[in-house]
Amino acid sequence: MCDHHRWNAELNWSWLWNHRTKMNITVISILDLNQFPECSEPGHESNSKTFCCLCCTSGPLTSNIVTDKTGFVPGEYIIVSAMIENQSRKDMKTTEVKLVEKVIYRAGPETKESERTVMEMKKGEIESGDNFEWDREPVLVPPLAPTWLGGCKPCGIIEVTYTLSFRVNPHGVGFSLYTHIPILIGNIPLRPMFNKIKQDPGFAGGFAVPEVPSSVPYITPGAPLEKPEDDSSSSSSSDDEGGEERPAPIVYYHPPPLPDYFNTYNDLPPPNYALSKWGQVNVQADSDDENTSGNFHYTPVYPTYNFTQPSAPPPPY
């Protein structure tokens, strides 16, 4: 199932051009991590390589990466630990972890693939003969579309998957060492995680988005809630004296009603809703002309949860 849909309305005239109005909406299927028992298991992958210099082969470069589990929802933290053993003769420039989104588009026999980095973290050098450790680093999952767009099987048109990629980069000539762990992104968390979700008593179940400038055609769902009196986010976007940029004002919105599926979990706090990690895009189609109106600048909104940052260590290597 695709996550982006559009409502169309057309006014037909017998003696003028037809007028069309379009409104974009986000439709999300439910991906319940509790339906995938393997999501609660730790992720653990390792890899190694050697570097050759003329007729000499150095010792191995080894990477072991561990995650606390492999299933997450937006707002949750992936806890990453890693141990790198550099027994080679080369110094390593950096180590980095990335959460990568891969999308495959299918149209008949044709396919197109794209990859983009959701987030990344880097750490420093590892000298020859030294070891280096990532110790329980928390990686926040931002608002994203669920894996497979929420279907239990990959969508026949668009397939979305996520991977946690760990990379060790050598100085000078030499290929990087990669280690990968597949990650499942859902929108109903694992049941043991329910009690780690924080709720804002004033805006539980709502979502916050920056105000959109009036010059941008944009339609935001829901009716605004009343702002709290001490909400300092209502300040202007620039300082009158120095011209310093300030954060855009925040508007809080009522959430759409939860699907009946959520009633299965009476102890699950309701999700909030946040703008997609990828921001606003222009969704104007080639067939849209001067007689077509609507919000052509659109940002999908995805369920997200406000988790406390976990402190429990992942399993040992």
C-alpha atoms as a PDB file:
ATOM      1  CA  MET A   1       0.000   0.000   0.000  1.00  0.00           C
ATOM      2  CA  CYS A   2       1.310   3.445  -0.867  1.00  0.00           C
ATOM      3  CA  ASP A   3       1.364   6.050   1.905  1.00  0.00           C
ATOM      4  CA  HIS A   4       0.528   9.075  -0.246  1.00  0.00           C
ATOM      5  CA  HIS A   5      -2.941   9.560  -1.734  1.00  0.00           C
ATOM      6  CA  ARG A   6      -4.857  12.440  -3.227  1.00  0.00           C
ATOM      7  CA  TRP A   7      -8.501  13.503  -3.163  1.00  0.00           C
ATOM      8  CA  ASN A   8      -9.700  15.055  -6.429  1.00  0.00           C
ATOM      9  CA  ALA A   9     -12.699  17.311  -7.013  1.00  0.00           C
ATOM     10  CA  GLU A  10     -13.599  18.544 -10.496  1.00  0.00           C
ATOM     11  CA  LEU A  11     -16.106  21.156 -11.577  1.00  0.00           C
ATOM     12  CA  ASN A  12     -17.234  20.539 -15.164  1.00  0.00           C
ATOM     13  CA  TRP A  13     -18.218  23.509 -17.307  1.00  0.00           C
ATOM     14  CA  SER A  14     -19.873  23.180 -20.696  1.00  0.00           C
ATOM     15  CA  TRP A  15     -18.447  26.482 -21.934  1.00  0.00           C
ATOM     16  CA  LEU A  16     -15.204  26.935 -19.874  1.00  0.00           C
ATOM     17  CA  TRP A  17     -12.168  24.957 -18.810  1.00  0.00           C
ATOM     18  CA  ASN A  18     -12.918  22.444 -16.080  1.00  0.00           C
ATOM     19  CA  HIS A  19     -11.682  23.448 -12.618  1.00  0.00           C
ATOM     20  CA  ARG A  20      -9.974  20.844 -10.446  1.00  0.00           C
ATOM     21  CA  THR A  21      -8.940  20.945  -6.798  1.00  0.00           C
ATOM     22  CA  LYS A  22      -6.668  18.363  -5.192  1.00  0.00           C
ATOM     23  CA  MET A  23      -5.884  17.623  -1.546  1.00  0.00           C
ATOM     24  CA  ASN A  24      -3.113  15.247  -0.502  1.00  0.00           C
ATOM     25  CA  ILE A  25      -3.495  12.911   2.474  1.00  0.00           C
ATOM     26  CA  THR A  26      -1.372  10.281   4.197  1.00  0.00           C
ATOM     27  CA  VAL A  27      -2.765   6.744   4.477  1.00  0.00           C
ATOM     28  CA  ILE A  28      -0.763   4.387   6.680  1.00  0.00           C
ATOM     29  CA  SER A  29      -1.213   0.659   7.156  1.00  0.00           C
ATOM     30  CA  ILE A  30      -0.608  -0.818  10.603  1.00  0.00           C
ATOM     31  CA  LEU A  31       2.640  -2.680  11.153  1.00  0.00           C
ATOM     32  CA  ASP A  32       2.477  -4.250  14.600  1.00  0.00           C
ATOM     33  CA  LEU A  33       5.947  -5.281  15.768  1.00  0.00           C
ATOM     34  CA  ASN A  34       4.356  -7.794  18.139  1.00  0.00           C
ATOM     35  CA  GLN A  35       3.421  -9.864  15.087  1.00  0.00           C
ATOM     36  CA  PHE A  36       7.129 -10.377  14.376  1.00  0.00           C
ATOM     37  CA  PRO A  37       8.712 -12.200  17.366  1.00  0.00           C
ATOM     38  CA  GLU A  38      12.194 -11.891  15.861  1.00  0.00           C
ATOM     39  CA  CYS A  39      11.988  -8.094  16.408  1.00  0.00           C
ATOM     40  CA  SER A  40      12.566  -8.544  20.135  1.00  0.00           C
ATOM     41  CA  GLU A  41      15.800 -10.477  19.567  1.00  0.00           C
ATOM     42  CA  PRO A  42      19.148  -8.646  19.615  1.00  0.00           C
ATOM     43  CA  GLY A  43      20.803  -7.844  16.325  1.00  0.00           C
ATOM     44  CA  HIS A  44      24.375  -9.085  16.039  1.00  0.00           C
ATOM     45  CA  GLU A  45      26.609  -9.065  12.978  1.00  0.00           C
ATOM     46  CA  SER A  46      30.354  -9.190  12.449  1.00  0.00           C
ATOM     47  CA  ASN A  47      32.722  -8.798   9.539  1.00  0.00           C
ATOM     48  CA  SER A  48      36.472  -8.667   8.907  1.00  0.00           C
ATOM     49  CA  LYS A  49      38.960  -7.971   6.164  1.00  0.00           C
ATOM     50  CA  THR A  50      42.686  -7.783   5.532  1.00  0.00           C
ATOM     51  CA  PHE A  51      44.705  -5.172   3.677  1.00  0.00           C
ATOM     52  CA  CYS A  52      47.405  -6.192   1.214  1.00  0.00           C
ATOM     53  CA  CYS A  53      50.518  -4.191   0.445  1.00  0.00           C
ATOM     54  CA  LEU A  54      52.527  -5.674  -2.438  1.00  0.00           C
ATOM     55  CA  CYS A  55      53.382  -9.210  -1.248  1.00  0.00           C
ATOM     56  CA  CYS A  56      52.591  -8.549   2.412  1.00  0.00           C
ATOM     57  CA  THR A  57      49.244  -9.130   4.071  1.00  0.00           C
ATOM     58  CA  SER A  58      48.483  -7.373   7.339  1.00  0.00           C
ATOM     59  CA  GLY A  59      46.459  -8.675  10.250  1.00  0.00           C
ATOM     60  CA  PRO A  60      42.671  -8.502  10.145  1.00  0.00           C
ATOM     61  CA  LEU A  61      40.386  -5.541  10.782  1.00  0.00           C
ATOM     62  CA  THR A  62      37.344  -6.901  12.633  1.00  0.00           C
ATOM     63  CA  SER A  63      34.027  -5.240  13.397  1.00  0.00           C
ATOM     64  CA  ASN A  64      31.325  -6.590  15.733  1.00  0.00           C
ATOM     65  CA  ILE A  65      28.065  -4.644  16.049  1.00  0.00           C
ATOM     66  CA  VAL A  66      25.185  -5.295  18.462  1.00  0.00           C
ATOM     67  CA  THR A  67      21.723  -3.718  18.801  1.00  0.00           C
ATOM     68  CA  ASP A  68      19.356  -4.307  21.702  1.00  0.00           C
ATOM     69  CA  LYS A  69      16.681  -5.570  19.280  1.00  0.00           C
ATOM     70  CA  THR A  70      15.758  -5.188  15.606  1.00  0.00           C
ATOM     71  CA  GLY A  71      12.198  -3.785  15.697  1.00  0.00           C
ATOM     72  CA  PHE A  72      11.475  -0.133  16.470  1.00  0.00           C
ATOM     73  CA  VAL A  73       8.885   2.609  16.041  1.00  0.00           C
ATOM     74  CA  PRO A  74       9.492   6.327  15.382  1.00  0.00           C
ATOM     75  CA  GLY A  75      10.490   8.063  18.600  1.00  0.00           C
ATOM     76  CA  GLU A  76      12.280   4.971  19.919  1.00  0.00           C
ATOM     77  CA  TYR A  77      16.030   4.619  20.397  1.00  0.00           C
ATOM     78  CA  ILE A  78      18.222   2.003  18.728  1.00  0.00           C
ATOM     79  CA  ILE A  79      20.963   1.150  21.235  1.00  0.00           C
ATOM     80  CA  VAL A  80      24.147   0.464  19.291  1.00  0.00           C
ATOM     81  CA  SER A  81      27.330  -1.112  20.654  1.00  0.00           C
ATOM     82  CA  ALA A  82      30.331  -2.058  18.563  1.00  0.00           C
ATOM     83  CA  MET A  83      33.844  -3.387  19.018  1.00  0.00           C
ATOM     84  CA  ILE A  84      36.488  -2.755  16.357  1.00  0.00           C
ATOM     85  CA  GLU A  85      39.805  -4.607  16.534  1.00  0.00           C
ATOM     86  CA  ASN A  86      42.421  -3.116  14.229  1.00  0.00           C
ATOM     87  CA  GLN A  87      45.197  -5.666  13.889  1.00  0.00           C
ATOM     88  CA  SER A  88      46.146  -4.332  10.474  1.00  0.00           C
ATOM     89  CA  ARG A  89      49.082  -2.074   9.654  1.00  0.00           C
ATOM     90  CA  LYS A  90      46.731   0.755   8.636  1.00  0.00           C
ATOM     91  CA  ASP A  91      45.231   3.487  10.790  1.00  0.00           C
ATOM     92  CA  MET A  92      41.466   3.852  10.590  1.00  0.00           C
ATOM     93  CA  LYS A  93      40.180   7.373   9.924  1.00  0.00           C
ATOM     94  CA  THR A  94      36.610   7.097  11.282  1.00  0.00           C
ATOM     95  CA  THR A  95      33.903   4.692  12.334  1.00  0.00           C
ATOM     96  CA  GLU A  96      30.309   5.564  11.573  1.00  0.00           C
ATOM     97  CA  VAL A  97      26.818   4.135  11.935  1.00  0.00           C
ATOM     98  CA  LYS A  98      23.977   4.998   9.558  1.00  0.00           C
ATOM     99  CA  LEU A  99      20.298   4.174   9.441  1.00  0.00           C
ATOM    100  CA  VAL A 100      19.615   3.784   5.725  1.00  0.00           C
ATOM    101  CA  GLU A 101      16.269   3.754   3.931  1.00  0.00           C
ATOM    102  CA  LYS A 102      16.064   1.794   0.684  1.00  0.00           C
ATOM    103  CA  VAL A 103      13.116   2.197  -1.684  1.00  0.00           C
ATOM    104  CA  ILE A 104      12.444   0.019  -4.725  1.00  0.00           C
ATOM    105  CA  TYR A 105       9.902   1.326  -7.253  1.00  0.00           C
ATOM    106  CA  ARG A 106       8.297  -1.176  -9.640  1.00  0.00           C
ATOM    107  CA  ALA A 107       6.326  -0.464 -12.810  1.00  0.00           C
ATOM    108  CA  GLY A 108       5.814  -3.608 -14.882  1.00  0.00           C
ATOM    109  CA  PRO A 109       9.209  -5.100 -15.728  1.00  0.00           C
ATOM    110  CA  GLU A 110      11.032  -1.874 -14.818  1.00  0.00           C
ATOM    111  CA  THR A 111      12.475  -1.197 -11.355  1.00  0.00           C
ATOM    112  CA  LYS A 112      14.248   1.778  -9.830  1.00  0.00           C
ATOM    113  CA  GLU A 113      16.148   1.823  -6.539  1.00  0.00           C
ATOM    114  CA  SER A 114      17.101   4.707  -4.293  1.00  0.00           C
ATOM    115  CA  GLU A 115      18.889   4.925  -0.955  1.00  0.00           C
ATOM    116  CA  ARG A 116      19.149   7.806   1.496  1.00  0.00           C
ATOM    117  CA  THR A 117      20.628   8.196   4.932  1.00  0.00           C
ATOM    118  CA  VAL A 118      18.057   8.711   7.679  1.00  0.00           C
ATOM    119  CA  MET A 119      20.701   9.589  10.281  1.00  0.00           C
ATOM    120  CA  GLU A 120      24.383   9.027  10.971  1.00  0.00           C
ATOM    121  CA  MET A 121      26.888   9.227  13.835  1.00  0.00           C
ATOM    122  CA  LYS A 122      30.685   9.270  13.563  1.00  0.00           C
ATOM    123  CA  LYS A 123      33.583   8.620  15.906  1.00  0.00           C
ATOM    124  CA  GLY A 124      37.318   9.163  15.584  1.00  0.00           C
ATOM    125  CA  GLU A 125      40.509   7.385  14.624  1.00  0.00           C
ATOM    126  CA  ILE A 126      41.780   3.893  15.473  1.00  0.00           C
ATOM    127  CA  GLU A 127      45.519   3.444  15.260  1.00  0.00           C
ATOM    128  CA  SER A 128      47.124   0.261  14.009  1.00  0.00           C
ATOM    129  CA  GLY A 129      47.040  -2.431  16.710  1.00  0.00           C
ATOM    130  CA  ASP A 130      44.368  -0.639  18.792  1.00  0.00           C
ATOM    131  CA  ASN A 131      40.769  -1.488  19.633  1.00  0.00           C
ATOM    132  CA  PHE A 132      37.832   0.910  19.687  1.00  0.00           C
ATOM    133  CA  GLU A 133      34.381   0.575  21.258  1.00  0.00           C
ATOM    134  CA  TRP A 134      30.959   2.116  20.775  1.00  0.00           C
ATOM    135  CA  ASP A 135      29.309   1.790  24.170  1.00  0.00           C
ATOM    136  CA  ARG A 136      25.479   1.759  24.104  1.00  0.00           C
ATOM    137  CA  GLU A 137      25.053   4.744  21.806  1.00  0.00           C
ATOM    138  CA  PRO A 138      21.362   5.774  21.486  1.00  0.00           C
ATOM    139  CA  VAL A 139      20.187   6.396  17.923  1.00  0.00           C
ATOM    140  CA  LEU A 140      16.774   8.089  17.692  1.00  0.00           C
ATOM    141  CA  VAL A 141      14.362   6.839  15.002  1.00  0.00           C
ATOM    142  CA  PRO A 142      12.695   9.907  13.406  1.00  0.00           C
ATOM    143  CA  PRO A 143       9.185  10.007  11.859  1.00  0.00           C
ATOM    144  CA  LEU A 144       9.327   7.541   8.950  1.00  0.00           C
ATOM    145  CA  ALA A 145       7.068   5.392   6.839  1.00  0.00           C
ATOM    146  CA  PRO A 146       6.865   1.827   8.193  1.00  0.00           C
ATOM    147  CA  THR A 147       8.769  -1.020   6.573  1.00  0.00           C
ATOM    148  CA  TRP A 148       6.925  -2.333   3.488  1.00  0.00           C
ATOM    149  CA  LEU A 149       4.616   0.703   3.984  1.00  0.00           C
ATOM    150  CA  GLY A 150       2.882  -1.275   6.701  1.00  0.00           C
ATOM    151  CA  GLY A 151       2.061  -4.392   4.716  1.00  0.00           C
ATOM    152  CA  CYS A 152       2.989  -7.877   5.887  1.00  0.00           C
ATOM    153  CA  LYS A 153       4.466  -8.483   2.448  1.00  0.00           C
ATOM    154  CA  PRO A 154       6.407  -6.046   0.257  1.00  0.00           C
ATOM    155  CA  CYS A 155       4.149  -3.775  -1.761  1.00  0.00           C
ATOM    156  CA  GLY A 156       4.070  -4.684  -5.451  1.00  0.00           C
ATOM    157  CA  ILE A 157       4.684  -1.058  -6.439  1.00  0.00           C
ATOM    158  CA  ILE A 158       6.862   0.449  -3.699  1.00  0.00           C
ATOM    159  CA  GLU A 159       9.041  -1.523  -1.281  1.00  0.00           C
ATOM    160  CA  VAL A 160      10.557   0.304   1.716  1.00  0.00           C
ATOM    161  CA  THR A 161      13.198  -1.318   3.938  1.00  0.00           C
ATOM    162  CA  TYR A 162      15.692  -0.094   6.546  1.00  0.00           C
ATOM    163  CA  THR A 163      19.214  -1.173   7.470  1.00  0.00           C
ATOM    164  CA  LEU A 164      21.602  -0.171  10.221  1.00  0.00           C
ATOM    165  CA  SER A 165      24.973   0.081   8.504  1.00  0.00           C
ATOM    166  CA  PHE A 166      28.257   0.221  10.427  1.00  0.00           C
ATOM    167  CA  ARG A 167      31.361   1.331   8.540  1.00  0.00           C
ATOM    168  CA  VAL A 168      35.070   1.534   9.353  1.00  0.00           C
ATOM    169  CA  ASN A 169      36.998   3.873   7.038  1.00  0.00           C
ATOM    170  CA  PRO A 170      40.778   3.435   6.583  1.00  0.00           C
ATOM    171  CA  HIS A 171      43.284   6.212   5.995  1.00  0.00           C
ATOM    172  CA  GLY A 172      44.741   6.343   2.497  1.00  0.00           C
ATOM    173  CA  VAL A 173      44.138   3.612  -0.071  1.00  0.00           C
ATOM    174  CA  GLY A 174      41.819   0.799   0.993  1.00  0.00           C
ATOM    175  CA  PHE A 175      38.167  -0.177   0.972  1.00  0.00           C
ATOM    176  CA  SER A 176      35.941   0.400   3.995  1.00  0.00           C
ATOM    177  CA  LEU A 177      34.702  -2.450   6.166  1.00  0.00           C
ATOM    178  CA  TYR A 178      30.894  -2.691   6.307  1.00  0.00           C
ATOM    179  CA  THR A 179      28.604  -4.518   8.733  1.00  0.00           C
ATOM    180  CA  HIS A 180      24.817  -4.474   8.274  1.00  0.00           C
ATOM    181  CA  ILE A 181      21.810  -5.274  10.479  1.00  0.00           C
ATOM    182  CA  PRO A 182      18.280  -5.236   8.963  1.00  0.00           C
ATOM    183  CA  ILE A 183      15.883  -3.047  10.980  1.00  0.00           C
ATOM    184  CA  LEU A 184      12.081  -3.290  11.002  1.00  0.00           C
ATOM    185  CA  ILE A 185      10.244   0.030  11.474  1.00  0.00           C
ATOM    186  CA  GLY A 186       6.630  -0.311  12.629  1.00  0.00           C
ATOM    187  CA  ASN A 187       3.975   1.895  14.194  1.00  0.00           C
ATOM    188  CA  ILE A 188       2.873  -0.276  17.140  1.00  0.00           C
ATOM    189  CA  PRO A 189       5.823  -0.906  19.508  1.00  0.00           C
ATOM    190  CA  LEU A 190       6.682  -4.163  21.209  1.00  0.00           C
ATOM    191  CA  ARG A 191       4.573  -4.660  24.319  1.00  0.00           C
ATOM    192  CA  PRO A 192       7.536  -4.545  26.790  1.00  0.00           C
ATOM    193  CA  MET A 193       8.201  -1.009  25.532  1.00  0.00           C
ATOM    194  CA  PHE A 194       4.742   0.367  26.400  1.00  0.00           C
ATOM    195  CA  ASN A 195       5.752   1.507  29.883  1.00  0.00           C
ATOM    196  CA  LYS A 196       8.728   3.439  28.475  1.00  0.00           C
ATOM    197  CA  ILE A 197       6.503   5.861  26.556  1.00  0.00           C
ATOM    198  CA  LYS A 198       6.127   9.301  28.120  1.00  0.00           C
ATOM    199  CA  GLN A 199       2.856  11.181  27.754  1.00  0.00           C
ATOM    200  CA  ASP A 200       2.412  14.934  27.724  1.00  0.00           C
ATOM    201  CA  PRO A 201      -0.777  15.384  29.773  1.00  0.00           C
ATOM    202  CA  GLY A 202      -1.617  18.571  27.924  1.00  0.00           C
ATOM    203  CA  PHE A 203      -1.228  17.258  24.394  1.00  0.00           C
ATOM    204  CA  ALA A 204      -1.374  13.461  24.627  1.00  0.00           C
ATOM    205  CA  GLY A 205      -2.252  12.027  21.275  1.00  0.00           C
ATOM    206  CA  GLY A 206      -1.624  15.258  19.349  1.00  0.00           C
ATOM    207  CA  PHE A 207       1.148  16.424  17.091  1.00  0.00           C
ATOM    208  CA  ALA A 208       3.125  19.596  16.578  1.00  0.00           C
ATOM    209  CA  VAL A 209       4.303  21.132  13.337  1.00  0.00           C
ATOM    210  CA  PRO A 210       5.950  24.440  12.437  1.00  0.00           C
ATOM    211  CA  GLU A 211       3.651  27.123  11.110  1.00  0.00           C
ATOM    212  CA  VAL A 212       3.805  27.300   7.336  1.00  0.00           C
ATOM    213  CA  PRO A 213       4.373  30.731   5.739  1.00  0.00           C
ATOM    214  CA  SER A 214       1.242  32.132   4.119  1.00  0.00           C
ATOM    215  CA  SER A 215       3.067  32.299   0.786  1.00  0.00           C
ATOM    216  CA  VAL A 216       3.249  28.496   0.664  1.00  0.00           C
ATOM    217  CA  PRO A 217       0.037  26.683  -0.371  1.00  0.00           C
ATOM    218  CA  TYR A 218      -0.339  24.119   2.401  1.00  0.00           C
ATOM    219  CA  ILE A 219      -3.289  22.460   4.109  1.00  0.00           C
ATOM    220  CA  THR A 220      -2.737  21.025   7.578  1.00  0.00           C
ATOM    221  CA  PRO A 221      -5.170  18.407   8.947  1.00  0.00           C
ATOM    222  CA  GLY A 222      -6.998  18.852  12.221  1.00  0.00           C
ATOM    223  CA  ALA A 223      -8.187  21.839  14.208  1.00  0.00           C
ATOM    224  CA  PRO A 224      -5.669  23.805  16.285  1.00  0.00           C
ATOM    225  CA  LEU A 225      -5.628  23.199  20.013  1.00  0.00           C
ATOM    226  CA  GLU A 226      -5.289  26.080  22.425  1.00  0.00           C
ATOM    227  CA  LYS A 227      -1.632  26.871  23.111  1.00  0.00           C
ATOM    228  CA  PRO A 228      -0.370  26.813  26.697  1.00  0.00           C
ATOM    229  CA  GLU A 229       0.105  30.239  28.240  1.00  0.00           C
ATOM    230  CA  ASP A 230       3.839  29.739  28.774  1.00  0.00           C
ATOM    231  CA  ASP A 231       4.473  28.532  25.242  1.00  0.00           C
ATOM    232  CA  SER A 232       7.521  30.557  24.210  1.00  0.00           C
ATOM    233  CA  SER A 233       7.453  29.103  20.700  1.00  0.00           C
ATOM    234  CA  SER A 234       5.011  31.804  19.585  1.00  0.00           C
ATOM    235  CA  SER A 235       7.856  34.290  19.208  1.00  0.00           C
ATOM    236  CA  SER A 236       8.580  35.751  15.788  1.00  0.00           C
ATOM    237  CA  SER A 237      10.910  33.971  13.415  1.00  0.00           C
ATOM    238  CA  SER A 238      13.566  36.720  13.536  1.00  0.00           C
ATOM    239  CA  ASP A 239      14.987  39.111  16.100  1.00  0.00           C
ATOM    240  CA  ASP A 240      13.864  42.689  15.460  1.00  0.00           C
ATOM    241  CA  GLU A 241      17.184  44.127  16.630  1.00  0.00           C
ATOM    242  CA  GLY A 242      19.849  41.779  15.339  1.00  0.00           C
ATOM    243  CA  GLY A 243      17.960  39.814  12.698  1.00  0.00           C
ATOM    244  CA  GLU A 244      18.825  36.557  14.478  1.00  0.00           C
ATOM    245  CA  GLU A 245      16.790  33.567  13.384  1.00  0.00           C
ATOM    246  CA  ARG A 246      14.366  32.106  15.898  1.00  0.00           C
ATOM    247  CA  PRO A 247      12.536  28.758  15.820  1.00  0.00           C
ATOM    248  CA  ALA A 248       9.322  28.787  13.820  1.00  0.00           C
ATOM    249  CA  PRO A 249       6.153  28.997  15.947  1.00  0.00           C
ATOM    250  CA  ILE A 250       4.571  25.674  16.827  1.00  0.00           C
ATOM    251  CA  VAL A 251       0.904  24.834  16.289  1.00  0.00           C
ATOM    252  CA  TYR A 252      -0.649  21.848  18.054  1.00  0.00           C
ATOM    253  CA  TYR A 253      -3.316  19.807  16.314  1.00  0.00           C
ATOM    254  CA  HIS A 254      -5.959  17.297  17.278  1.00  0.00           C
ATOM    255  CA  PRO A 255      -4.972  13.833  16.031  1.00  0.00           C
ATOM    256  CA  PRO A 256      -7.167  11.784  13.729  1.00  0.00           C
ATOM    257  CA  PRO A 257      -9.103   8.984  15.458  1.00  0.00           C
ATOM    258  CA  LEU A 258      -7.091   5.837  16.127  1.00  0.00           C
ATOM    259  CA  PRO A 259      -7.916   2.708  14.101  1.00  0.00           C
ATOM    260  CA  ASP A 260      -9.841  -0.031  15.903  1.00  0.00           C
ATOM    261  CA  TYR A 261      -6.688  -2.153  15.751  1.00  0.00           C
ATOM    262  CA  PHE A 262      -5.159   0.009  18.481  1.00  0.00           C
ATOM    263  CA  ASN A 263      -7.949  -1.052  20.865  1.00  0.00           C
ATOM    264  CA  THR A 264      -6.268  -4.460  21.055  1.00  0.00           C
ATOM    265  CA  TYR A 265      -3.720  -2.828  23.378  1.00  0.00           C
ATOM    266  CA  ASN A 266      -5.557  -1.030  26.177  1.00  0.00           C
ATOM    267  CA  ASP A 267      -2.263  -0.204  27.883  1.00  0.00           C
ATOM    268  CA  LEU A 268      -0.662   1.387  24.797  1.00  0.00           C
ATOM    269  CA  PRO A 269      -0.456   5.193  25.097  1.00  0.00           C
ATOM    270  CA  PRO A 270      -1.791   6.876  21.942  1.00  0.00           C
ATOM    271  CA  PRO A 271       0.799   8.014  19.423  1.00  0.00           C
ATOM    272  CA  ASN A 272       1.570  11.585  18.538  1.00  0.00           C
ATOM    273  CA  TYR A 273       1.875  12.678  14.921  1.00  0.00           C
ATOM    274  CA  ALA A 274       4.904  14.395  13.434  1.00  0.00           C
ATOM    275  CA  LEU A 275       6.052  15.594  10.042  1.00  0.00           C
ATOM    276  CA  SER A 276       8.113  13.158   8.011  1.00  0.00           C
ATOM    277  CA  LYS A 277      11.865  13.175   8.452  1.00  0.00           C
ATOM    278  CA  TRP A 278      12.154  14.051   4.752  1.00  0.00           C
ATOM    279  CA  GLY A 279      10.141  17.256   5.037  1.00  0.00           C
ATOM    280  CA  GLN A 280       7.980  18.979   2.474  1.00  0.00           C
ATOM    281  CA  VAL A 281       7.990  17.999  -1.198  1.00  0.00           C
ATOM    282  CA  ASN A 282       6.348  19.336  -4.326  1.00  0.00           C
ATOM    283  CA  VAL A 283       3.711  16.790  -5.412  1.00  0.00           C
ATOM    284  CA  GLN A 284       2.389  18.657  -8.435  1.00  0.00           C
ATOM    285  CA  ALA A 285       1.752  16.198 -11.260  1.00  0.00           C
ATOM    286  CA  ASP A 286       2.633  16.724 -14.915  1.00  0.00           C
ATOM    287  CA  SER A 287      -1.095  16.700 -15.714  1.00  0.00           C
ATOM    288  CA  ASP A 288      -1.825  19.613 -13.332  1.00  0.00           C
ATOM    289  CA  ASP A 289      -2.336  22.853 -15.256  1.00  0.00           C
ATOM    290  CA  GLU A 290      -3.355  26.429 -14.473  1.00  0.00           C
ATOM    291  CA  ASN A 291      -6.921  25.215 -13.838  1.00  0.00           C
ATOM    292  CA  THR A 292      -5.783  22.884 -11.059  1.00  0.00           C
ATOM    293  CA  SER A 293      -5.539  24.210  -7.511  1.00  0.00           C
ATOM    294  CA  GLY A 294      -4.607  22.603  -4.188  1.00  0.00           C
ATOM    295  CA  ASN A 295      -1.750  22.081  -1.772  1.00  0.00           C
ATOM    296  CA  PHE A 296       1.092  21.039  -4.052  1.00  0.00           C
ATOM    297  CA  HIS A 297       3.609  21.388  -1.206  1.00  0.00           C
ATOM    298  CA  TYR A 298       2.913  18.429   1.042  1.00  0.00           C
ATOM    299  CA  THR A 299       4.549  16.769   4.039  1.00  0.00           C
ATOM    300  CA  PRO A 300       3.388  13.308   5.174  1.00  0.00           C
ATOM    301  CA  VAL A 301       2.561  12.915   8.881  1.00  0.00           C
ATOM    302  CA  TYR A 302       3.523   9.698  10.681  1.00  0.00           C
ATOM    303  CA  PRO A 303       2.695   8.273  14.134  1.00  0.00           C
ATOM    304  CA  THR A 304       5.510   8.690  16.639  1.00  0.00           C
ATOM    305  CA  TYR A 305       5.986   8.037  20.366  1.00  0.00           C
ATOM    306  CA  ASN A 306       7.777   9.968  23.079  1.00  0.00           C
ATOM    307  CA  PHE A 307      10.119   7.375  24.592  1.00  0.00           C
ATOM    308  CA  THR A 308      12.405   7.783  27.555  1.00  0.00           C
ATOM    309  CA  GLN A 309      16.024   7.292  26.536  1.00  0.00           C
ATOM    310  CA  PRO A 310      16.889   3.700  27.508  1.00  0.00           C
ATOM    311  CA  SER A 311      19.893   2.936  29.682  1.00  0.00           C
ATOM    312  CA  ALA A 312      19.939  -0.890  29.741  1.00  0.00           C
ATOM    313  CA  PRO A 313      23.017  -2.284  27.941  1.00  0.00           C
ATOM    314  CA  PRO A 314      22.594  -4.628  24.951  1.00  0.00           C
ATOM    315  CA  PRO A 315      23.838  -8.217  25.125  1.00  0.00           C
ATOM    316  CA  PRO A 316      27.630  -8.821  25.041  1.00  0.00           C
ATOM    317  CA  TYR A 317      29.438  -9.396  21.785  1.00  0.00           C
END
